[in-house]
């Protein structure tokens, strides 16, 4: 399982370095998705092409509201105790 330990170690170092060790419970999924995105592109030899792939949908699509992004996603931040 050295591969798993390597990825876990990289994730730990990324959180400590980028987020200064402060990870909000409700945003953990977003942090993990960002780490996955960066990890999967770590050896890309065509950085410019990756940038264009990210930029193209932003130029083509119409504006997105905050509700469109987070409206149906369960962030787990609500602590409604009845």
PDB file of N, CA and C in Angstrom:
ATOM      1  N   UNK A   1       0.800  -1.198   0.000  1.00  0.00           N
ATOM      2  CA  UNK A   1       0.000   0.000   0.000  1.00  0.00           C
ATOM      3  C   UNK A   1       0.850   1.272   0.000  1.00  0.00           C
ATOM      4  N   UNK A   2       2.054   1.218  -0.542  1.00  0.00           N
ATOM      5  CA  UNK A   2       2.869   2.435  -0.562  1.00  0.00           C
ATOM      6  C   UNK A   2       2.252   3.548  -1.395  1.00  0.00           C
ATOM      7  N   UNK A   3       1.522   3.200  -2.453  1.00  0.00           N
ATOM      8  CA  UNK A   3       0.877   4.213  -3.284  1.00  0.00           C
ATOM      9  C   UNK A   3      -0.157   5.004  -2.507  1.00  0.00           C
ATOM     10  N   UNK A   4      -0.957   4.295  -1.722  1.00  0.00           N
ATOM     11  CA  UNK A   4      -1.973   4.965  -0.907  1.00  0.00           C
ATOM     12  C   UNK A   4      -1.325   5.884   0.122  1.00  0.00           C
ATOM     13  N   UNK A   5      -0.273   5.415   0.765  1.00  0.00           N
ATOM     14  CA  UNK A   5       0.411   6.227   1.772  1.00  0.00           C
ATOM     15  C   UNK A   5       1.056   7.463   1.147  1.00  0.00           C
ATOM     16  N   UNK A   6       1.554   7.301  -0.071  1.00  0.00           N
ATOM     17  CA  UNK A   6       2.153   8.452  -0.760  1.00  0.00           C
ATOM     18  C   UNK A   6       1.097   9.515  -1.036  1.00  0.00           C
ATOM     19  N   UNK A   7      -0.073   9.100  -1.543  1.00  0.00           N
ATOM     20  CA  UNK A   7      -1.143  10.054  -1.830  1.00  0.00           C
ATOM     21  C   UNK A   7      -1.650  10.697  -0.547  1.00  0.00           C
ATOM     22  N   UNK A   8      -1.812   9.892   0.509  1.00  0.00           N
ATOM     23  CA  UNK A   8      -2.262  10.443   1.786  1.00  0.00           C
ATOM     24  C   UNK A   8      -1.257  11.457   2.319  1.00  0.00           C
ATOM     25  N   UNK A   9       0.015  11.175   2.168  1.00  0.00           N
ATOM     26  CA  UNK A   9       1.058  12.099   2.619  1.00  0.00           C
ATOM     27  C   UNK A   9       1.027  13.394   1.807  1.00  0.00           C
ATOM     28  N   UNK A  10       0.860  13.271   0.486  1.00  0.00           N
ATOM     29  CA  UNK A  10       0.772  14.464  -0.356  1.00  0.00           C
ATOM     30  C   UNK A  10      -0.450  15.302   0.006  1.00  0.00           C
ATOM     31  N   UNK A  11      -1.573  14.646   0.278  1.00  0.00           N
ATOM     32  CA  UNK A  11      -2.787  15.357   0.677  1.00  0.00           C
ATOM     33  C   UNK A  11      -2.564  16.100   1.990  1.00  0.00           C
ATOM     34  N   UNK A  12      -1.950  15.430   2.938  1.00  0.00           N
ATOM     35  CA  UNK A  12      -1.673  16.053   4.233  1.00  0.00           C
ATOM     36  C   UNK A  12      -0.772  17.275   4.081  1.00  0.00           C
ATOM     37  N   UNK A  13       0.301  17.145   3.289  1.00  0.00           N
ATOM     38  CA  UNK A  13       1.214  18.264   3.076  1.00  0.00           C
ATOM     39  C   UNK A  13       0.528  19.407   2.340  1.00  0.00           C
ATOM     40  N   UNK A  14      -0.352  19.073   1.381  1.00  0.00           N
ATOM     41  CA  UNK A  14      -1.074  20.100   0.623  1.00  0.00           C
ATOM     42  C   UNK A  14      -2.010  20.877   1.549  1.00  0.00           C
ATOM     43  N   UNK A  15      -2.718  20.173   2.424  1.00  0.00           N
ATOM     44  CA  UNK A  15      -3.631  20.849   3.362  1.00  0.00           C
ATOM     45  C   UNK A  15      -2.841  21.716   4.332  1.00  0.00           C
ATOM     46  N   UNK A  16      -1.742  21.208   4.864  1.00  0.00           N
ATOM     47  CA  UNK A  16      -0.937  21.985   5.802  1.00  0.00           C
ATOM     48  C   UNK A  16      -0.292  23.191   5.118  1.00  0.00           C
ATOM     49  N   UNK A  17       0.122  23.036   3.876  1.00  0.00           N
ATOM     50  CA  UNK A  17       0.786  24.124   3.172  1.00  0.00           C
ATOM     51  C   UNK A  17      -0.177  25.151   2.604  1.00  0.00           C
ATOM     52  N   UNK A  18      -1.212  24.685   1.924  1.00  0.00           N
ATOM     53  CA  UNK A  18      -2.126  25.590   1.242  1.00  0.00           C
ATOM     54  C   UNK A  18      -3.155  26.188   2.186  1.00  0.00           C
ATOM     55  N   UNK A  19      -3.718  25.375   3.036  1.00  0.00           N
ATOM     56  CA  UNK A  19      -4.802  25.830   3.922  1.00  0.00           C
ATOM     57  C   UNK A  19      -4.336  26.025   5.359  1.00  0.00           C
ATOM     58  N   UNK A  20      -3.045  25.971   5.577  1.00  0.00           N
ATOM     59  CA  UNK A  20      -2.451  26.173   6.905  1.00  0.00           C
ATOM     60  C   UNK A  20      -3.052  25.237   7.952  1.00  0.00           C
ATOM     61  N   UNK A  21      -3.463  24.049   7.523  1.00  0.00           N
ATOM     62  CA  UNK A  21      -3.997  23.048   8.435  1.00  0.00           C
ATOM     63  C   UNK A  21      -5.430  23.288   8.849  1.00  0.00           C
ATOM     64  N   UNK A  22      -6.042  24.359   8.388  1.00  0.00           N
ATOM     65  CA  UNK A  22      -7.413  24.686   8.761  1.00  0.00           C
ATOM     66  C   UNK A  22      -8.380  24.169   7.688  1.00  0.00           C
ATOM     67  N   UNK A  23      -9.118  23.133   8.019  1.00  0.00           N
ATOM     68  CA  UNK A  23     -10.063  22.529   7.084  1.00  0.00           C
ATOM     69  C   UNK A  23     -11.442  22.527   7.718  1.00  0.00           C
ATOM     70  N   UNK A  24     -12.370  23.243   7.095  1.00  0.00           N
ATOM     71  CA  UNK A  24     -13.742  23.264   7.591  1.00  0.00           C
ATOM     72  C   UNK A  24     -14.419  21.945   7.227  1.00  0.00           C
ATOM     73  N   UNK A  25     -15.105  21.353   8.173  1.00  0.00           N
ATOM     74  CA  UNK A  25     -15.767  20.066   7.968  1.00  0.00           C
ATOM     75  C   UNK A  25     -16.705  20.107   6.768  1.00  0.00           C
ATOM     76  N   UNK A  26     -17.454  21.183   6.624  1.00  0.00           N
ATOM     77  CA  UNK A  26     -18.424  21.290   5.542  1.00  0.00           C
ATOM     78  C   UNK A  26     -17.804  21.481   4.172  1.00  0.00           C
ATOM     79  N   UNK A  27     -16.537  21.897   4.120  1.00  0.00           N
ATOM     80  CA  UNK A  27     -15.880  22.142   2.841  1.00  0.00           C
ATOM     81  C   UNK A  27     -14.860  21.068   2.481  1.00  0.00           C
ATOM     82  N   UNK A  28     -14.795  20.017   3.285  1.00  0.00           N
ATOM     83  CA  UNK A  28     -13.812  18.966   3.057  1.00  0.00           C
ATOM     84  C   UNK A  28     -13.961  18.343   1.672  1.00  0.00           C
ATOM     85  N   UNK A  29     -15.187  18.097   1.223  1.00  0.00           N
ATOM     86  CA  UNK A  29     -15.405  17.500  -0.092  1.00  0.00           C
ATOM     87  C   UNK A  29     -14.825  18.390  -1.191  1.00  0.00           C
ATOM     88  N   UNK A  30     -15.027  19.694  -1.078  1.00  0.00           N
ATOM     89  CA  UNK A  30     -14.474  20.618  -2.079  1.00  0.00           C
ATOM     90  C   UNK A  30     -12.949  20.591  -2.064  1.00  0.00           C
ATOM     91  N   UNK A  31     -12.346  20.530  -0.884  1.00  0.00           N
ATOM     92  CA  UNK A  31     -10.894  20.454  -0.783  1.00  0.00           C
ATOM     93  C   UNK A  31     -10.376  19.177  -1.442  1.00  0.00           C
ATOM     94  N   UNK A  32     -11.053  18.057  -1.188  1.00  0.00           N
ATOM     95  CA  UNK A  32     -10.630  16.787  -1.764  1.00  0.00           C
ATOM     96  C   UNK A  32     -10.771  16.790  -3.281  1.00  0.00           C
ATOM     97  N   UNK A  33     -11.827  17.413  -3.791  1.00  0.00           N
ATOM     98  CA  UNK A  33     -11.999  17.500  -5.239  1.00  0.00           C
ATOM     99  C   UNK A  33     -10.912  18.355  -5.877  1.00  0.00           C
ATOM    100  N   UNK A  34     -10.531  19.445  -5.217  1.00  0.00           N
ATOM    101  CA  UNK A  34      -9.449  20.283  -5.745  1.00  0.00           C
ATOM    102  C   UNK A  34      -8.127  19.525  -5.730  1.00  0.00           C
ATOM    103  N   UNK A  35      -7.856  18.803  -4.635  1.00  0.00           N
ATOM    104  CA  UNK A  35      -6.623  18.021  -4.562  1.00  0.00           C
ATOM    105  C   UNK A  35      -6.594  16.971  -5.663  1.00  0.00           C
ATOM    106  N   UNK A  36      -7.722  16.297  -5.887  1.00  0.00           N
ATOM    107  CA  UNK A  36      -7.802  15.278  -6.934  1.00  0.00           C
ATOM    108  C   UNK A  36      -7.520  15.887  -8.298  1.00  0.00           C
ATOM    109  N   UNK A  37      -8.122  17.053  -8.563  1.00  0.00           N
ATOM    110  CA  UNK A  37      -7.894  17.744  -9.832  1.00  0.00           C
ATOM    111  C   UNK A  37      -6.412  18.042 -10.024  1.00  0.00           C
ATOM    112  N   UNK A  38      -5.780  18.590  -8.996  1.00  0.00           N
ATOM    113  CA  UNK A  38      -4.365  18.945  -9.102  1.00  0.00           C
ATOM    114  C   UNK A  38      -3.476  17.705  -9.214  1.00  0.00           C
ATOM    115  N   UNK A  39      -3.810  16.665  -8.428  1.00  0.00           N
ATOM    116  CA  UNK A  39      -3.004  15.439  -8.435  1.00  0.00           C
ATOM    117  C   UNK A  39      -3.055  14.766  -9.804  1.00  0.00           C
ATOM    118  N   UNK A  40      -4.229  14.715 -10.415  1.00  0.00           N
ATOM    119  CA  UNK A  40      -4.373  14.055 -11.709  1.00  0.00           C
ATOM    120  C   UNK A  40      -3.656  14.802 -12.832  1.00  0.00           C
ATOM    121  N   UNK A  41      -3.341  16.066 -12.629  1.00  0.00           N
ATOM    122  CA  UNK A  41      -2.676  16.856 -13.660  1.00  0.00           C
ATOM    123  C   UNK A  41      -1.231  17.209 -13.292  1.00  0.00           C
ATOM    124  N   UNK A  42      -0.675  16.550 -12.298  1.00  0.00           N
ATOM    125  CA  UNK A  42       0.650  16.904 -11.797  1.00  0.00           C
ATOM    126  C   UNK A  42       1.759  16.645 -12.807  1.00  0.00           C
ATOM    127  N   UNK A  43       1.578  15.699 -13.714  1.00  0.00           N
ATOM    128  CA  UNK A  43       2.632  15.372 -14.672  1.00  0.00           C
ATOM    129  C   UNK A  43       2.279  15.824 -16.092  1.00  0.00           C
ATOM    130  N   UNK A  44       1.294  16.679 -16.210  1.00  0.00           N
ATOM    131  CA  UNK A  44       0.873  17.140 -17.529  1.00  0.00           C
ATOM    132  C   UNK A  44       2.010  17.905 -18.211  1.00  0.00           C
ATOM    133  N   UNK A  45       2.264  17.555 -19.437  1.00  0.00           N
ATOM    134  CA  UNK A  45       3.316  18.223 -20.193  1.00  0.00           C
ATOM    135  C   UNK A  45       2.753  19.352 -21.043  1.00  0.00           C
ATOM    136  N   UNK A  46       1.450  19.508 -21.047  1.00  0.00           N
ATOM    137  CA  UNK A  46       0.828  20.549 -21.867  1.00  0.00           C
ATOM    138  C   UNK A  46       0.011  21.483 -20.979  1.00  0.00           C
ATOM    139  N   UNK A  47       0.696  22.250 -20.153  1.00  0.00           N
ATOM    140  CA  UNK A  47       0.022  23.163 -19.220  1.00  0.00           C
ATOM    141  C   UNK A  47      -0.866  24.161 -19.965  1.00  0.00           C
ATOM    142  N   UNK A  48      -0.419  24.641 -21.114  1.00  0.00           N
ATOM    143  CA  UNK A  48      -1.204  25.605 -21.868  1.00  0.00           C
ATOM    144  C   UNK A  48      -2.513  24.977 -22.331  1.00  0.00           C
ATOM    145  N   UNK A  49      -2.471  23.732 -22.782  1.00  0.00           N
ATOM    146  CA  UNK A  49      -3.670  23.038 -23.228  1.00  0.00           C
ATOM    147  C   UNK A  49      -4.620  22.816 -22.046  1.00  0.00           C
ATOM    148  N   UNK A  50      -4.081  22.483 -20.890  1.00  0.00           N
ATOM    149  CA  UNK A  50      -4.922  22.337 -19.693  1.00  0.00           C
ATOM    150  C   UNK A  50      -5.618  23.656 -19.360  1.00  0.00           C
ATOM    151  N   UNK A  51      -4.876  24.744 -19.454  1.00  0.00           N
ATOM    152  CA  UNK A  51      -5.452  26.060 -19.191  1.00  0.00           C
ATOM    153  C   UNK A  51      -6.571  26.366 -20.175  1.00  0.00           C
ATOM    154  N   UNK A  52      -6.358  26.077 -21.447  1.00  0.00           N
ATOM    155  CA  UNK A  52      -7.387  26.321 -22.461  1.00  0.00           C
ATOM    156  C   UNK A  52      -8.627  25.460 -22.217  1.00  0.00           C
ATOM    157  N   UNK A  53      -8.433  24.225 -21.777  1.00  0.00           N
ATOM    158  CA  UNK A  53      -9.563  23.339 -21.468  1.00  0.00           C
ATOM    159  C   UNK A  53     -10.394  23.882 -20.310  1.00  0.00           C
ATOM    160  N   UNK A  54      -9.764  24.562 -19.373  1.00  0.00           N
ATOM    161  CA  UNK A  54     -10.487  25.178 -18.267  1.00  0.00           C
ATOM    162  C   UNK A  54     -11.149  26.480 -18.690  1.00  0.00           C
ATOM    163  N   UNK A  55     -10.492  27.222 -19.546  1.00  0.00           N
ATOM    164  CA  UNK A  55     -10.991  28.529 -19.953  1.00  0.00           C
ATOM    165  C   UNK A  55     -12.151  28.443 -20.939  1.00  0.00           C
ATOM    166  N   UNK A  56     -12.115  27.475 -21.845  1.00  0.00           N
ATOM    167  CA  UNK A  56     -13.126  27.373 -22.900  1.00  0.00           C
ATOM    168  C   UNK A  56     -14.556  27.282 -22.365  1.00  0.00           C
ATOM    169  N   UNK A  57     -14.873  26.423 -21.408  1.00  0.00           N
ATOM    170  CA  UNK A  57     -16.253  26.385 -20.905  1.00  0.00           C
ATOM    171  C   UNK A  57     -16.676  27.695 -20.237  1.00  0.00           C
ATOM    172  N   UNK A  58     -15.733  28.397 -19.622  1.00  0.00           N
ATOM    173  CA  UNK A  58     -16.063  29.669 -18.976  1.00  0.00           C
ATOM    174  C   UNK A  58     -16.460  30.723 -20.001  1.00  0.00           C
ATOM    175  N   UNK A  59     -15.883  30.659 -21.178  1.00  0.00           N
ATOM    176  CA  UNK A  59     -16.187  31.632 -22.219  1.00  0.00           C
ATOM    177  C   UNK A  59     -17.466  31.269 -22.960  1.00  0.00           C
ATOM    178  N   UNK A  60     -17.711  29.985 -23.153  1.00  0.00           N
ATOM    179  CA  UNK A  60     -18.850  29.520 -23.952  1.00  0.00           C
ATOM    180  C   UNK A  60     -20.169  29.570 -23.184  1.00  0.00           C
ATOM    181  N   UNK A  61     -20.163  29.211 -21.914  1.00  0.00           N
ATOM    182  CA  UNK A  61     -21.398  29.080 -21.156  1.00  0.00           C
ATOM    183  C   UNK A  61     -21.894  30.423 -20.621  1.00  0.00           C
ATOM    184  N   UNK A  62     -23.181  30.443 -20.271  1.00  0.00           N
ATOM    185  CA  UNK A  62     -23.772  31.649 -19.690  1.00  0.00           C
ATOM    186  C   UNK A  62     -23.392  31.747 -18.211  1.00  0.00           C
ATOM    187  N   UNK A  63     -23.565  32.916 -17.608  1.00  0.00           N
ATOM    188  CA  UNK A  63     -23.201  33.079 -16.196  1.00  0.00           C
ATOM    189  C   UNK A  63     -23.974  32.118 -15.286  1.00  0.00           C
ATOM    190  N   UNK A  64     -23.347  31.732 -14.207  1.00  0.00           N
ATOM    191  CA  UNK A  64     -23.933  30.821 -13.236  1.00  0.00           C
ATOM    192  C   UNK A  64     -24.110  31.553 -11.917  1.00  0.00           C
ATOM    193  N   UNK A  65     -25.279  31.393 -11.303  1.00  0.00           N
ATOM    194  CA  UNK A  65     -25.533  32.044 -10.016  1.00  0.00           C
ATOM    195  C   UNK A  65     -24.995  31.186  -8.879  1.00  0.00           C
ATOM    196  N   UNK A  66     -24.891  31.776  -7.715  1.00  0.00           N
ATOM    197  CA  UNK A  66     -24.429  31.030  -6.550  1.00  0.00           C
ATOM    198  C   UNK A  66     -25.381  29.886  -6.227  1.00  0.00           C
ATOM    199  N   UNK A  67     -26.687  30.099  -6.390  1.00  0.00           N
ATOM    200  CA  UNK A  67     -27.664  29.048  -6.114  1.00  0.00           C
ATOM    201  C   UNK A  67     -27.488  27.882  -7.089  1.00  0.00           C
ATOM    202  N   UNK A  68     -27.161  28.183  -8.340  1.00  0.00           N
ATOM    203  CA  UNK A  68     -26.920  27.118  -9.315  1.00  0.00           C
ATOM    204  C   UNK A  68     -25.775  26.219  -8.869  1.00  0.00           C
ATOM    205  N   UNK A  69     -24.794  26.804  -8.228  1.00  0.00           N
ATOM    206  CA  UNK A  69     -23.620  26.044  -7.816  1.00  0.00           C
ATOM    207  C   UNK A  69     -23.876  25.262  -6.538  1.00  0.00           C
ATOM    208  N   UNK A  70     -24.468  25.899  -5.548  1.00  0.00           N
ATOM    209  CA  UNK A  70     -24.578  25.263  -4.237  1.00  0.00           C
ATOM    210  C   UNK A  70     -26.011  24.996  -3.790  1.00  0.00           C
ATOM    211  N   UNK A  71     -26.988  25.306  -4.606  1.00  0.00           N
ATOM    212  CA  UNK A  71     -28.385  25.184  -4.201  1.00  0.00           C
ATOM    213  C   UNK A  71     -28.830  23.776  -3.859  1.00  0.00           C
ATOM    214  N   UNK A  72     -28.402  22.793  -4.632  1.00  0.00           N
ATOM    215  CA  UNK A  72     -28.855  21.424  -4.403  1.00  0.00           C
ATOM    216  C   UNK A  72     -27.806  20.558  -3.717  1.00  0.00           C
ATOM    217  N   UNK A  73     -26.685  21.126  -3.358  1.00  0.00           N
ATOM    218  CA  UNK A  73     -25.604  20.353  -2.747  1.00  0.00           C
ATOM    219  C   UNK A  73     -25.740  20.398  -1.229  1.00  0.00           C
ATOM    220  N   UNK A  74     -25.664  19.258  -0.605  1.00  0.00           N
ATOM    221  CA  UNK A  74     -25.755  19.180   0.853  1.00  0.00           C
ATOM    222  C   UNK A  74     -24.355  19.409   1.437  1.00  0.00           C
ATOM    223  N   UNK A  75     -24.102  20.631   1.894  1.00  0.00           N
ATOM    224  CA  UNK A  75     -22.798  20.980   2.437  1.00  0.00           C
ATOM    225  C   UNK A  75     -22.589  20.439   3.840  1.00  0.00           C
ATOM    226  N   UNK A  76     -23.681  19.995   4.484  1.00  0.00           N
ATOM    227  CA  UNK A  76     -23.553  19.466   5.826  1.00  0.00           C
ATOM    228  C   UNK A  76     -23.326  20.529   6.878  1.00  0.00           C
ATOM    229  N   UNK A  77     -23.616  21.782   6.557  1.00  0.00           N
ATOM    230  CA  UNK A  77     -23.381  22.876   7.490  1.00  0.00           C
ATOM    231  C   UNK A  77     -24.581  23.138   8.382  1.00  0.00           C
ATOM    232  N   UNK A  78     -25.735  22.655   7.971  1.00  0.00           N
ATOM    233  CA  UNK A  78     -26.946  22.922   8.740  1.00  0.00           C
ATOM    234  C   UNK A  78     -27.018  21.984   9.941  1.00  0.00           C
ATOM    235  N   UNK A  79     -27.263  22.564  11.091  1.00  0.00           N
ATOM    236  CA  UNK A  79     -27.362  21.766  12.314  1.00  0.00           C
ATOM    237  C   UNK A  79     -28.762  21.918  12.888  1.00  0.00           C
ATOM    238  N   UNK A  80     -29.747  21.555  12.107  1.00  0.00           N
ATOM    239  CA  UNK A  80     -31.142  21.677  12.517  1.00  0.00           C
ATOM    240  C   UNK A  80     -31.511  20.489  13.394  1.00  0.00           C
ATOM    241  N   UNK A  81     -31.689  20.752  14.687  1.00  0.00           N
ATOM    242  CA  UNK A  81     -32.053  19.684  15.615  1.00  0.00           C
ATOM    243  C   UNK A  81     -33.459  19.954  16.124  1.00  0.00           C
ATOM    244  N   UNK A  82     -34.373  19.131  15.712  1.00  0.00           N
ATOM    245  CA  UNK A  82     -35.767  19.262  16.150  1.00  0.00           C
ATOM    246  C   UNK A  82     -36.085  18.317  17.283  1.00  0.00           C
TER     247      UNK A  82
END
